[in-house]
């Protein structure tokens, strides 16, 4: 399951990089899936070492050794469960802030470039999402061209 989440996030990161959108949330999910895998591995290692210890322990102490080992292993699981949700919410908020900031900045077009929609007009700005050149008629609402506005970017 962790491998699937890892590869899905990797694909989303690559697609977002290609389109120029922020990659904060997919990177956060990717990082958290790696952390979760490390915590799961640690939990399994602790449980295995606990079961190995049971071989040399008298019968009356086995329950205490087993409960101590399980308690130690569960601390890693609990840490992962409690830390993951706030980190994902923080990444989601940061992603929204970065998207708004990026949209609001329309860069100036290079001298002599032409508008993608109106070929006879000189471009004044560049769409912050797709990179298309825009003239003064196309406008720069949120730094997006008409096509990106229509898509609801």
N, C-alpha and C. Protein backbone atom coordinates (compact mmCIF):
# COMPACT_ATOMS: atom_id res chain seq x y z
N UNK A 1 0.82 -1.19 0.00
CA UNK A 1 0.00 0.00 0.00
C UNK A 1 0.87 1.26 0.00
N UNK A 2 1.95 1.22 0.77
CA UNK A 2 2.84 2.38 0.82
C UNK A 2 3.52 2.62 -0.52
N UNK A 3 3.86 1.54 -1.20
CA UNK A 3 4.49 1.68 -2.52
C UNK A 3 3.54 2.34 -3.52
N UNK A 4 2.27 1.97 -3.46
CA UNK A 4 1.28 2.57 -4.36
C UNK A 4 1.15 4.06 -4.08
N UNK A 5 1.04 4.42 -2.80
CA UNK A 5 0.94 5.84 -2.44
C UNK A 5 2.18 6.61 -2.89
N UNK A 6 3.35 6.00 -2.73
CA UNK A 6 4.59 6.63 -3.14
C UNK A 6 4.60 6.92 -4.64
N UNK A 7 4.25 5.92 -5.45
CA UNK A 7 4.29 6.10 -6.89
C UNK A 7 3.19 7.02 -7.41
N UNK A 8 2.03 6.99 -6.80
CA UNK A 8 0.96 7.92 -7.19
C UNK A 8 1.39 9.35 -6.91
N UNK A 9 1.97 9.58 -5.75
CA UNK A 9 2.45 10.93 -5.42
C UNK A 9 3.57 11.36 -6.34
N UNK A 10 4.44 10.45 -6.69
CA UNK A 10 5.52 10.78 -7.60
C UNK A 10 4.98 11.19 -8.97
N UNK A 11 3.97 10.50 -9.45
CA UNK A 11 3.34 10.85 -10.73
C UNK A 11 2.68 12.21 -10.64
N UNK A 12 1.98 12.49 -9.53
CA UNK A 12 1.32 13.79 -9.35
C UNK A 12 2.36 14.91 -9.31
N UNK A 13 3.47 14.68 -8.62
CA UNK A 13 4.54 15.70 -8.56
C UNK A 13 5.06 16.00 -9.96
N UNK A 14 5.33 14.95 -10.73
CA UNK A 14 5.86 15.15 -12.08
C UNK A 14 4.85 15.88 -12.97
N UNK A 15 3.57 15.53 -12.86
CA UNK A 15 2.55 16.22 -13.67
C UNK A 15 2.39 17.67 -13.25
N UNK A 16 2.44 17.93 -11.95
CA UNK A 16 2.31 19.31 -11.48
C UNK A 16 3.52 20.15 -11.88
N UNK A 17 4.69 19.55 -11.86
CA UNK A 17 5.88 20.29 -12.29
C UNK A 17 5.77 20.65 -13.77
N UNK A 18 5.20 19.73 -14.55
CA UNK A 18 5.07 19.96 -15.98
C UNK A 18 4.09 21.10 -16.26
N UNK A 19 3.00 21.18 -15.49
CA UNK A 19 2.00 22.23 -15.70
C UNK A 19 2.34 23.51 -14.95
N UNK A 20 3.31 23.46 -14.06
CA UNK A 20 3.72 24.67 -13.36
C UNK A 20 2.94 24.96 -12.10
N UNK A 21 2.15 24.02 -11.60
CA UNK A 21 1.43 24.25 -10.36
C UNK A 21 2.28 23.82 -9.18
N UNK A 22 1.85 24.21 -7.97
CA UNK A 22 2.66 23.92 -6.79
C UNK A 22 2.65 22.43 -6.49
N UNK A 23 3.72 21.98 -5.86
CA UNK A 23 3.87 20.55 -5.58
C UNK A 23 4.00 20.29 -4.09
N UNK A 24 3.53 21.20 -3.25
CA UNK A 24 3.70 21.08 -1.81
C UNK A 24 2.94 19.87 -1.26
N UNK A 25 1.67 19.74 -1.60
CA UNK A 25 0.86 18.64 -1.05
C UNK A 25 1.38 17.28 -1.52
N UNK A 26 1.62 17.08 -2.84
CA UNK A 26 2.15 15.76 -3.22
C UNK A 26 3.51 15.45 -2.58
N UNK A 27 4.36 16.45 -2.42
CA UNK A 27 5.65 16.20 -1.77
C UNK A 27 5.46 15.86 -0.30
N UNK A 28 4.50 16.52 0.35
CA UNK A 28 4.23 16.21 1.75
C UNK A 28 3.70 14.79 1.90
N UNK A 29 2.79 14.39 1.03
CA UNK A 29 2.27 13.02 1.08
C UNK A 29 3.38 12.02 0.77
N UNK A 30 4.23 12.36 -0.16
CA UNK A 30 5.36 11.50 -0.51
C UNK A 30 6.30 11.35 0.69
N UNK A 31 6.62 12.44 1.34
CA UNK A 31 7.50 12.40 2.51
C UNK A 31 6.84 11.63 3.66
N UNK A 32 5.54 11.87 3.86
CA UNK A 32 4.85 11.17 4.93
C UNK A 32 4.74 9.67 4.66
N UNK A 33 4.63 9.29 3.40
CA UNK A 33 4.59 7.85 3.10
C UNK A 33 5.95 7.21 3.39
N UNK A 34 7.03 7.95 3.15
CA UNK A 34 8.36 7.43 3.50
C UNK A 34 8.54 7.34 5.01
N UNK A 35 8.04 8.36 5.73
CA UNK A 35 8.11 8.33 7.19
C UNK A 35 7.28 7.18 7.74
N UNK A 36 6.09 7.00 7.17
CA UNK A 36 5.23 5.90 7.62
C UNK A 36 5.91 4.56 7.37
N UNK A 37 6.58 4.41 6.25
CA UNK A 37 7.29 3.16 5.96
C UNK A 37 8.41 2.94 6.98
N UNK A 38 9.13 4.00 7.33
CA UNK A 38 10.21 3.88 8.32
C UNK A 38 9.64 3.51 9.69
N UNK A 39 8.52 4.13 10.07
CA UNK A 39 7.90 3.81 11.36
C UNK A 39 7.37 2.38 11.38
N UNK A 40 6.81 1.94 10.28
CA UNK A 40 6.31 0.56 10.19
C UNK A 40 7.48 -0.43 10.30
N UNK A 41 8.57 -0.11 9.61
CA UNK A 41 9.75 -0.97 9.68
C UNK A 41 10.28 -1.05 11.11
N UNK A 42 10.34 0.11 11.79
CA UNK A 42 10.82 0.15 13.17
C UNK A 42 9.90 -0.66 14.08
N UNK A 43 8.60 -0.54 13.88
CA UNK A 43 7.64 -1.31 14.68
C UNK A 43 7.85 -2.81 14.50
N UNK A 44 8.02 -3.24 13.27
CA UNK A 44 8.23 -4.66 13.01
C UNK A 44 9.54 -5.15 13.63
N UNK A 45 10.59 -4.35 13.52
CA UNK A 45 11.89 -4.73 14.11
C UNK A 45 11.77 -4.86 15.62
N UNK A 46 11.06 -3.95 16.26
CA UNK A 46 10.89 -4.01 17.72
C UNK A 46 10.09 -5.24 18.11
N UNK A 47 9.03 -5.54 17.36
CA UNK A 47 8.23 -6.72 17.67
C UNK A 47 9.02 -8.01 17.48
N UNK A 48 9.84 -8.06 16.43
CA UNK A 48 10.67 -9.24 16.20
C UNK A 48 11.67 -9.42 17.34
N UNK A 49 12.30 -8.33 17.77
CA UNK A 49 13.27 -8.44 18.88
C UNK A 49 12.57 -8.83 20.17
N UNK A 50 11.34 -8.37 20.36
CA UNK A 50 10.58 -8.76 21.56
C UNK A 50 10.29 -10.25 21.55
N UNK A 51 9.88 -10.77 20.39
CA UNK A 51 9.60 -12.21 20.31
C UNK A 51 10.87 -13.04 20.47
N UNK A 52 12.00 -12.52 20.04
CA UNK A 52 13.26 -13.24 20.23
C UNK A 52 13.63 -13.30 21.71
N UNK A 53 13.33 -12.22 22.45
CA UNK A 53 13.62 -12.19 23.88
C UNK A 53 12.80 -13.21 24.66
N UNK A 54 11.61 -13.54 24.16
CA UNK A 54 10.73 -14.44 24.89
C UNK A 54 11.32 -15.84 25.05
N UNK A 55 12.23 -16.22 24.17
CA UNK A 55 12.81 -17.56 24.25
C UNK A 55 13.60 -17.80 25.51
N UNK A 56 14.29 -16.80 26.00
CA UNK A 56 15.14 -16.98 27.18
C UNK A 56 14.54 -16.44 28.46
N UNK A 57 13.25 -16.17 28.47
CA UNK A 57 12.60 -15.59 29.64
C UNK A 57 11.75 -16.67 30.33
N UNK A 58 11.78 -16.71 31.66
CA UNK A 58 10.92 -17.68 32.37
C UNK A 58 9.45 -17.42 32.07
N UNK A 59 8.63 -18.43 32.21
CA UNK A 59 7.22 -18.37 31.85
C UNK A 59 6.47 -17.28 32.60
N UNK A 60 6.81 -17.07 33.86
CA UNK A 60 6.08 -16.06 34.66
C UNK A 60 6.41 -14.62 34.23
N UNK A 61 7.51 -14.41 33.51
CA UNK A 61 7.90 -13.06 33.08
C UNK A 61 7.58 -12.78 31.61
N UNK A 62 7.12 -13.78 30.89
CA UNK A 62 6.87 -13.61 29.45
C UNK A 62 5.81 -12.56 29.17
N UNK A 63 4.77 -12.53 29.97
CA UNK A 63 3.70 -11.56 29.75
C UNK A 63 4.21 -10.13 29.91
N UNK A 64 5.04 -9.90 30.90
CA UNK A 64 5.59 -8.56 31.15
C UNK A 64 6.51 -8.13 30.00
N UNK A 65 7.37 -9.05 29.55
CA UNK A 65 8.30 -8.74 28.45
C UNK A 65 7.52 -8.47 27.17
N UNK A 66 6.51 -9.29 26.90
CA UNK A 66 5.71 -9.12 25.70
C UNK A 66 4.93 -7.81 25.73
N UNK A 67 4.32 -7.47 26.85
CA UNK A 67 3.55 -6.22 26.92
C UNK A 67 4.46 -5.00 26.82
N UNK A 68 5.66 -5.08 27.38
CA UNK A 68 6.61 -3.97 27.27
C UNK A 68 7.05 -3.77 25.81
N UNK A 69 7.33 -4.87 25.12
CA UNK A 69 7.74 -4.77 23.71
C UNK A 69 6.64 -4.25 22.82
N UNK A 70 5.42 -4.72 23.03
CA UNK A 70 4.29 -4.24 22.22
C UNK A 70 4.02 -2.78 22.51
N UNK A 71 4.12 -2.38 23.78
CA UNK A 71 3.92 -0.96 24.13
C UNK A 71 4.95 -0.07 23.45
N UNK A 72 6.20 -0.51 23.43
CA UNK A 72 7.26 0.27 22.78
C UNK A 72 7.02 0.38 21.27
N UNK A 73 6.59 -0.72 20.67
CA UNK A 73 6.33 -0.72 19.23
C UNK A 73 5.14 0.17 18.88
N UNK A 74 4.12 0.17 19.70
CA UNK A 74 2.92 0.95 19.43
C UNK A 74 3.17 2.45 19.53
N UNK A 75 4.18 2.86 20.28
CA UNK A 75 4.51 4.29 20.36
C UNK A 75 4.89 4.83 18.99
N UNK A 76 5.56 4.05 18.18
CA UNK A 76 5.93 4.49 16.83
C UNK A 76 4.70 4.60 15.95
N UNK A 77 3.78 3.67 16.09
CA UNK A 77 2.54 3.71 15.31
C UNK A 77 1.72 4.94 15.71
N UNK A 78 1.61 5.20 17.01
CA UNK A 78 0.85 6.35 17.49
C UNK A 78 1.48 7.65 17.03
N UNK A 79 2.79 7.74 17.05
CA UNK A 79 3.45 8.96 16.58
C UNK A 79 3.10 9.23 15.12
N UNK A 80 3.15 8.20 14.29
CA UNK A 80 2.82 8.36 12.88
C UNK A 80 1.38 8.78 12.69
N UNK A 81 0.47 8.19 13.46
CA UNK A 81 -0.95 8.50 13.31
C UNK A 81 -1.27 9.93 13.75
N UNK A 82 -0.67 10.37 14.84
CA UNK A 82 -0.97 11.71 15.35
C UNK A 82 -0.23 12.82 14.59
N UNK A 83 0.93 12.53 14.06
CA UNK A 83 1.71 13.56 13.37
C UNK A 83 1.27 13.76 11.93
N UNK A 84 0.71 12.73 11.32
CA UNK A 84 0.40 12.80 9.89
C UNK A 84 -0.70 13.80 9.55
N UNK A 85 -1.79 13.78 10.27
CA UNK A 85 -2.93 14.63 9.94
C UNK A 85 -2.60 16.13 10.01
N UNK A 86 -2.01 16.63 11.12
CA UNK A 86 -1.66 18.07 11.14
C UNK A 86 -0.66 18.47 10.06
N UNK A 87 0.27 17.59 9.74
CA UNK A 87 1.24 17.91 8.69
C UNK A 87 0.58 18.00 7.32
N UNK A 88 -0.37 17.13 7.05
CA UNK A 88 -1.09 17.20 5.78
C UNK A 88 -1.95 18.45 5.68
N UNK A 89 -2.60 18.83 6.77
CA UNK A 89 -3.40 20.06 6.78
C UNK A 89 -2.49 21.27 6.54
N UNK A 90 -1.33 21.29 7.19
CA UNK A 90 -0.38 22.39 6.98
C UNK A 90 0.10 22.46 5.55
N UNK A 91 0.37 21.30 4.95
CA UNK A 91 0.81 21.28 3.54
C UNK A 91 -0.30 21.76 2.62
N UNK A 92 -1.54 21.40 2.92
CA UNK A 92 -2.68 21.82 2.10
C UNK A 92 -2.85 23.34 2.17
N UNK A 93 -2.73 23.93 3.37
CA UNK A 93 -2.84 25.38 3.52
C UNK A 93 -1.70 26.08 2.79
N UNK A 94 -0.48 25.59 2.95
CA UNK A 94 0.67 26.18 2.27
C UNK A 94 0.52 26.09 0.75
N UNK A 95 -0.01 24.99 0.26
CA UNK A 95 -0.25 24.82 -1.17
C UNK A 95 -1.23 25.89 -1.68
N UNK A 96 -2.29 26.14 -0.93
CA UNK A 96 -3.27 27.16 -1.32
C UNK A 96 -2.66 28.55 -1.33
N UNK A 97 -1.84 28.85 -0.34
CA UNK A 97 -1.19 30.16 -0.29
C UNK A 97 -0.24 30.34 -1.47
N UNK A 98 0.53 29.31 -1.78
CA UNK A 98 1.47 29.40 -2.90
C UNK A 98 0.74 29.51 -4.23
N UNK A 99 -0.40 28.84 -4.37
CA UNK A 99 -1.17 28.95 -5.61
C UNK A 99 -1.69 30.37 -5.80
N UNK A 100 -2.22 30.96 -4.75
CA UNK A 100 -2.73 32.34 -4.84
C UNK A 100 -1.60 33.31 -5.15
N UNK A 101 -0.48 33.14 -4.49
CA UNK A 101 0.65 34.04 -4.71
C UNK A 101 1.16 33.92 -6.14
N UNK A 102 1.21 32.70 -6.64
CA UNK A 102 1.71 32.50 -7.99
C UNK A 102 0.76 33.06 -9.04
N UNK A 103 -0.55 32.88 -8.81
CA UNK A 103 -1.53 33.38 -9.76
C UNK A 103 -1.55 34.89 -9.84
N UNK A 104 -1.31 35.53 -8.72
CA UNK A 104 -1.45 36.98 -8.69
C UNK A 104 -0.29 37.71 -9.36
N UNK A 105 0.75 37.02 -9.72
CA UNK A 105 1.91 37.67 -10.31
C UNK A 105 1.99 37.32 -11.80
N UNK A 106 1.66 38.29 -12.64
CA UNK A 106 1.81 38.10 -14.08
C UNK A 106 3.11 38.77 -14.49
N UNK A 107 3.99 38.02 -15.09
CA UNK A 107 5.28 38.55 -15.49
C UNK A 107 5.14 39.36 -16.77
N UNK A 108 6.03 40.29 -16.95
CA UNK A 108 6.04 41.08 -18.17
C UNK A 108 6.58 40.25 -19.33
N UNK A 109 5.97 40.41 -20.49
CA UNK A 109 6.39 39.67 -21.68
C UNK A 109 7.65 40.31 -22.26
N UNK A 110 8.48 39.51 -22.91
CA UNK A 110 9.68 40.06 -23.55
C UNK A 110 9.30 41.03 -24.68
N UNK A 111 10.16 41.96 -24.92
CA UNK A 111 9.92 42.96 -25.97
C UNK A 111 9.80 42.29 -27.32
N UNK A 112 8.78 42.67 -28.07
CA UNK A 112 8.59 42.15 -29.41
C UNK A 112 7.75 40.89 -29.49
N UNK A 113 7.32 40.35 -28.36
CA UNK A 113 6.51 39.13 -28.39
C UNK A 113 5.06 39.48 -28.72
N UNK A 114 4.35 38.51 -29.29
CA UNK A 114 2.97 38.71 -29.73
C UNK A 114 2.00 37.94 -28.84
N UNK A 115 0.79 38.44 -28.74
CA UNK A 115 -0.27 37.82 -27.95
C UNK A 115 -0.65 36.47 -28.57
N UNK A 116 -0.89 35.48 -27.71
CA UNK A 116 -1.26 34.15 -28.19
C UNK A 116 -2.66 34.14 -28.79
N UNK A 117 -3.54 34.99 -28.30
CA UNK A 117 -4.92 35.04 -28.80
C UNK A 117 -5.07 36.01 -29.96
N UNK A 118 -4.45 37.18 -29.82
CA UNK A 118 -4.53 38.22 -30.85
C UNK A 118 -3.15 38.39 -31.48
N UNK A 119 -2.90 37.70 -32.57
CA UNK A 119 -1.57 37.67 -33.18
C UNK A 119 -1.08 39.03 -33.65
N UNK A 120 -2.00 39.96 -33.91
CA UNK A 120 -1.58 41.28 -34.38
C UNK A 120 -1.25 42.23 -33.22
N UNK A 121 -1.49 41.83 -31.99
CA UNK A 121 -1.23 42.68 -30.82
C UNK A 121 0.09 42.32 -30.16
N UNK A 122 0.74 43.31 -29.59
CA UNK A 122 1.99 43.09 -28.87
C UNK A 122 1.66 42.60 -27.46
N UNK A 123 2.36 41.56 -27.02
CA UNK A 123 2.13 40.99 -25.69
C UNK A 123 2.70 41.90 -24.61
N UNK A 124 1.96 42.02 -23.52
CA UNK A 124 2.43 42.82 -22.39
C UNK A 124 2.76 41.97 -21.17
N UNK A 125 2.07 40.82 -21.00
CA UNK A 125 2.26 39.95 -19.83
C UNK A 125 2.32 38.49 -20.25
N UNK A 126 2.74 37.65 -19.31
CA UNK A 126 2.79 36.21 -19.50
C UNK A 126 1.85 35.56 -18.49
N UNK A 127 1.03 34.62 -18.95
CA UNK A 127 0.12 33.90 -18.06
C UNK A 127 0.95 33.14 -17.00
N UNK A 128 0.56 33.29 -15.75
CA UNK A 128 1.33 32.66 -14.67
C UNK A 128 1.10 31.16 -14.57
N UNK A 129 0.09 30.64 -15.27
CA UNK A 129 -0.15 29.19 -15.23
C UNK A 129 0.46 28.48 -16.43
N UNK A 130 0.08 28.91 -17.64
CA UNK A 130 0.51 28.17 -18.84
C UNK A 130 1.67 28.83 -19.58
N UNK A 131 1.97 30.09 -19.27
CA UNK A 131 3.09 30.77 -19.91
C UNK A 131 2.76 31.42 -21.24
N UNK A 132 1.47 31.50 -21.61
CA UNK A 132 1.08 32.12 -22.87
C UNK A 132 1.25 33.64 -22.78
N UNK A 133 1.59 34.26 -23.90
CA UNK A 133 1.72 35.71 -23.94
C UNK A 133 0.34 36.33 -24.07
N UNK A 134 0.11 37.45 -23.32
CA UNK A 134 -1.18 38.13 -23.33
C UNK A 134 -0.98 39.60 -23.67
N UNK A 135 -1.95 40.16 -24.42
CA UNK A 135 -1.92 41.59 -24.71
C UNK A 135 -2.78 42.33 -23.67
N UNK A 136 -2.87 43.64 -23.78
CA UNK A 136 -3.65 44.43 -22.83
C UNK A 136 -5.15 44.15 -22.96
N UNK A 137 -5.60 43.69 -24.12
CA UNK A 137 -7.02 43.36 -24.32
C UNK A 137 -7.38 42.08 -23.56
N UNK A 138 -6.49 41.12 -23.56
CA UNK A 138 -6.75 39.85 -22.88
C UNK A 138 -6.87 40.05 -21.36
N UNK A 139 -6.19 41.03 -20.83
CA UNK A 139 -6.26 41.30 -19.40
C UNK A 139 -5.33 40.40 -18.60
N UNK A 140 -5.20 40.74 -17.34
CA UNK A 140 -4.33 39.96 -16.45
C UNK A 140 -5.03 39.69 -15.13
N UNK A 141 -6.28 39.24 -15.18
CA UNK A 141 -7.00 38.92 -13.96
C UNK A 141 -6.29 37.77 -13.26
N UNK A 142 -5.80 38.02 -12.06
CA UNK A 142 -5.05 37.03 -11.29
C UNK A 142 -3.82 36.52 -12.04
N UNK A 143 -3.38 37.24 -13.07
CA UNK A 143 -2.20 36.81 -13.82
C UNK A 143 -2.45 35.65 -14.75
N UNK A 144 -3.73 35.37 -15.08
CA UNK A 144 -4.07 34.24 -15.93
C UNK A 144 -4.62 34.70 -17.27
N UNK A 145 -4.38 33.92 -18.31
CA UNK A 145 -4.94 34.22 -19.62
C UNK A 145 -6.40 33.76 -19.66
N UNK A 146 -7.08 34.10 -20.73
CA UNK A 146 -8.49 33.74 -20.86
C UNK A 146 -8.73 32.24 -20.87
N UNK A 147 -7.82 31.49 -21.48
CA UNK A 147 -7.96 30.04 -21.54
C UNK A 147 -7.86 29.43 -20.14
N UNK A 148 -6.89 29.89 -19.37
CA UNK A 148 -6.73 29.35 -18.00
C UNK A 148 -7.89 29.78 -17.11
N UNK A 149 -8.39 30.98 -17.30
CA UNK A 149 -9.56 31.42 -16.54
C UNK A 149 -10.78 30.56 -16.86
N UNK A 150 -10.93 30.21 -18.14
CA UNK A 150 -12.06 29.38 -18.56
C UNK A 150 -11.96 27.96 -17.98
N UNK A 151 -10.72 27.47 -17.82
CA UNK A 151 -10.50 26.14 -17.24
C UNK A 151 -10.74 26.12 -15.74
N UNK A 152 -10.76 27.31 -15.15
CA UNK A 152 -10.94 27.39 -13.71
C UNK A 152 -9.69 27.10 -12.93
N UNK A 153 -8.55 27.47 -13.51
CA UNK A 153 -7.26 27.23 -12.85
C UNK A 153 -7.24 28.01 -11.62
